[in-house]
C-alpha atoms as a PDB file:
ATOM      1  CA  MET A   1       0.000   0.000   0.000  1.00  0.00           C
ATOM      2  CA  ILE A   2       1.166   3.518  -0.823  1.00  0.00           C
ATOM      3  CA  ILE A   3       0.229   6.539   1.278  1.00  0.00           C
ATOM      4  CA  THR A   4       0.545  10.115   0.075  1.00  0.00           C
ATOM      5  CA  TYR A   5      -0.959  13.348   1.385  1.00  0.00           C
ATOM      6  CA  SER A   6      -3.636  15.522  -0.181  1.00  0.00           C
ATOM      7  CA  ARG A   7      -3.248  19.264  -0.456  1.00  0.00           C
ATOM      8  CA  LYS A   8      -5.211  19.508   2.831  1.00  0.00           C
ATOM      9  CA  GLY A   9      -2.707  17.210   4.555  1.00  0.00           C
ATOM     10  CA  VAL A  10      -5.026  14.185   4.698  1.00  0.00           C
ATOM     11  CA  PRO A  11      -3.257  10.819   4.240  1.00  0.00           C
ATOM     12  CA  ILE A  12      -4.585   9.174   1.057  1.00  0.00           C
ATOM     13  CA  ARG A  13      -4.195   5.387   0.644  1.00  0.00           C
ATOM     14  CA  ILE A  14      -3.582   3.670  -2.679  1.00  0.00           C
ATOM     15  CA  SER A  15      -4.256   0.008  -1.915  1.00  0.00           C
ATOM     16  CA  GLN A  16      -3.094  -2.906  -4.054  1.00  0.00           C
ATOM     17  CA  GLU A  17      -6.761  -3.675  -4.809  1.00  0.00           C
ATOM     18  CA  ARG A  18      -7.358  -0.130  -6.088  1.00  0.00           C
ATOM     19  CA  TRP A  19      -4.169  -0.168  -8.150  1.00  0.00           C
ATOM     20  CA  ARG A  20      -5.253  -3.480  -9.704  1.00  0.00           C
ATOM     21  CA  HIS A  21      -8.662  -1.932 -10.502  1.00  0.00           C
ATOM     22  CA  ILE A  22      -7.034   1.146 -12.066  1.00  0.00           C
ATOM     23  CA  SER A  23      -4.564  -0.935 -14.113  1.00  0.00           C
ATOM     24  CA  LEU A  24      -7.256  -3.293 -15.428  1.00  0.00           C
ATOM     25  CA  ARG A  25      -9.704  -0.552 -16.400  1.00  0.00           C
ATOM     26  CA  HIS A  26      -7.038   1.848 -17.673  1.00  0.00           C
ATOM     27  CA  PRO A  27      -4.031  -0.173 -18.958  1.00  0.00           C
ATOM     28  CA  GLU A  28      -2.226   3.047 -19.898  1.00  0.00           C
ATOM     29  CA  MET A  29      -1.856   3.676 -16.143  1.00  0.00           C
ATOM     30  CA  LEU A  30       0.602   0.778 -15.719  1.00  0.00           C
ATOM     31  CA  GLY A  31       3.897   2.248 -14.532  1.00  0.00           C
ATOM     32  CA  GLN A  32       2.278   5.575 -13.635  1.00  0.00           C
ATOM     33  CA  LYS A  33       2.039   5.248  -9.818  1.00  0.00           C
ATOM     34  CA  GLU A  34       4.523   8.088  -9.264  1.00  0.00           C
ATOM     35  CA  LYS A  35       2.361  10.418 -11.342  1.00  0.00           C
ATOM     36  CA  VAL A  36      -0.725   9.413  -9.327  1.00  0.00           C
ATOM     37  CA  VAL A  37       1.083  10.179  -6.057  1.00  0.00           C
ATOM     38  CA  GLU A  38       2.365  13.494  -7.453  1.00  0.00           C
ATOM     39  CA  THR A  39      -1.083  14.493  -8.723  1.00  0.00           C
ATOM     40  CA  ILE A  40      -2.654  13.963  -5.287  1.00  0.00           C
ATOM     41  CA  ALA A  41       0.134  15.780  -3.432  1.00  0.00           C
ATOM     42  CA  ASP A  42       0.708  18.635  -5.895  1.00  0.00           C
ATOM     43  CA  PRO A  43      -2.256  19.075  -8.269  1.00  0.00           C
ATOM     44  CA  ASP A  44      -2.786  21.875 -10.772  1.00  0.00           C
ATOM     45  CA  MET A  45      -6.405  22.013  -9.635  1.00  0.00           C
ATOM     46  CA  ILE A  46      -8.953  20.166  -7.539  1.00  0.00           C
ATOM     47  CA  LEU A  47     -12.514  19.614  -8.783  1.00  0.00           C
ATOM     48  CA  LEU A  48     -15.641  18.505  -6.957  1.00  0.00           C
ATOM     49  CA  GLY A  49     -16.822  15.023  -7.947  1.00  0.00           C
ATOM     50  CA  ASP A  50     -20.403  13.781  -8.175  1.00  0.00           C
ATOM     51  CA  PHE A  51     -20.473  11.778  -4.927  1.00  0.00           C
ATOM     52  CA  SER A  52     -18.467  13.857  -2.394  1.00  0.00           C
ATOM     53  CA  GLU A  53     -15.151  12.677  -3.813  1.00  0.00           C
ATOM     54  CA  VAL A  54     -12.611  15.130  -5.176  1.00  0.00           C
ATOM     55  CA  LEU A  55     -10.720  15.006  -8.453  1.00  0.00           C
ATOM     56  CA  ALA A  56      -7.072  16.033  -8.385  1.00  0.00           C
ATOM     57  CA  VAL A  57      -5.922  17.191 -11.829  1.00  0.00           C
ATOM     58  CA  ARG A  58      -2.391  17.636 -13.130  1.00  0.00           C
ATOM     59  CA  PHE A  59      -1.117  18.177 -16.672  1.00  0.00           C
ATOM     60  CA  TYR A  60       1.708  15.983 -17.980  1.00  0.00           C
ATOM     61  CA  PRO A  61       3.407  16.889 -21.284  1.00  0.00           C
ATOM     62  CA  GLU A  62       4.575  13.263 -21.656  1.00  0.00           C
ATOM     63  CA  THR A  63       2.479  10.184 -20.859  1.00  0.00           C
ATOM     64  CA  PRO A  64       2.036   6.781 -22.520  1.00  0.00           C
ATOM     65  CA  LEU A  65      -0.698   8.506 -24.578  1.00  0.00           C
ATOM     66  CA  THR A  66       1.019  11.847 -25.435  1.00  0.00           C
ATOM     67  CA  ARG A  67       0.149  15.122 -23.652  1.00  0.00           C
ATOM     68  CA  LYS A  68      -2.654  14.506 -21.152  1.00  0.00           C
ATOM     69  CA  HIS A  69      -4.192  15.564 -17.877  1.00  0.00           C
ATOM     70  CA  LEU A  70      -4.174  12.965 -15.118  1.00  0.00           C
ATOM     71  CA  ILE A  71      -7.355  12.798 -13.032  1.00  0.00           C
ATOM     72  CA  VAL A  72      -7.161  11.067  -9.651  1.00  0.00           C
ATOM     73  CA  ALA A  73     -10.500  10.591  -7.883  1.00  0.00           C
ATOM     74  CA  TYR A  74     -10.187  10.157  -4.137  1.00  0.00           C
ATOM     75  CA  LYS A  75     -12.282  10.503  -1.019  1.00  0.00           C
ATOM     76  CA  GLU A  76     -11.226  12.146   2.226  1.00  0.00           C
ATOM     77  CA  ALA A  77     -13.244  10.016   4.670  1.00  0.00           C
ATOM     78  CA  SER A  78     -11.984  12.101   7.620  1.00  0.00           C
ATOM     79  CA  ASP A  79      -9.141  14.473   8.467  1.00  0.00           C
ATOM     80  CA  GLU A  80      -6.988  11.400   9.154  1.00  0.00           C
ATOM     81  CA  ASP A  81      -7.943   9.034   6.343  1.00  0.00           C
ATOM     82  CA  GLY A  82      -8.655   8.982   2.629  1.00  0.00           C
ATOM     83  CA  PHE A  83      -8.445   6.582  -0.284  1.00  0.00           C
ATOM     84  CA  VAL A  84      -8.061   6.584  -4.064  1.00  0.00           C
ATOM     85  CA  ILE A  85     -11.097   5.532  -6.091  1.00  0.00           C
ATOM     86  CA  THR A  86      -9.656   5.610  -9.612  1.00  0.00           C
ATOM     87  CA  ALA A  87      -7.191   7.402 -11.880  1.00  0.00           C
ATOM     88  CA  TYR A  88      -7.078   7.987 -15.628  1.00  0.00           C
ATOM     89  CA  PHE A  89      -5.644  10.220 -18.340  1.00  0.00           C
ATOM     90  CA  THR A  90      -7.865  12.605 -20.292  1.00  0.00           C
ATOM     91  CA  ASN A  91      -7.443  15.336 -22.900  1.00  0.00           C
ATOM     92  CA  ALA A  92      -8.956  17.991 -20.636  1.00  0.00           C
ATOM     93  CA  PRO A  93     -10.798  18.111 -17.328  1.00  0.00           C
ATOM     94  CA  SER A  94     -14.555  18.603 -17.486  1.00  0.00           C
ATOM     95  CA  LYS A  95     -15.571  22.263 -17.654  1.00  0.00           C
ATOM     96  CA  ARG A  96     -18.897  21.506 -15.964  1.00  0.00           C
ATOM     97  CA  ARG A  97     -17.274  20.573 -12.648  1.00  0.00           C
ATOM     98  CA  VAL A  98     -16.906  22.984  -9.739  1.00  0.00           C
ATOM     99  CA  ILE A  99     -13.315  24.086  -9.137  1.00  0.00           C
ATOM    100  CA  ILE A 100     -12.473  23.766  -5.430  1.00  0.00           C
ATOM    101  CA  TRP A 101      -8.882  24.954  -5.764  1.00  0.00           C
ATOM    102  CA  LYS A 102      -6.594  26.072  -8.582  1.00  0.00           C
ATOM    103  CA  ARG A 103      -2.860  26.793  -8.684  1.00  0.00           C
END
């Protein structure tokens, strides 16, 4: 299990089960754990998700798919605990989402 910290200082867990889920659903994420950790800890922006989760967003000029934004959905269950839900690359973050924080 990997633990990193959100911008608010909440420890966010990336369990082996979640990483397996991410890798199976998004094969391009294989080998991208460091980017996931970096995106949670130092995002370009944070968006509000649909179900009280947050979406950390960071742009990467080089990925397995060319230039992309990495979206990491995670939930801060409390001030002391959080967990990753999923992660994936996209061309651009959704413009319909509420921006919670931006660099």
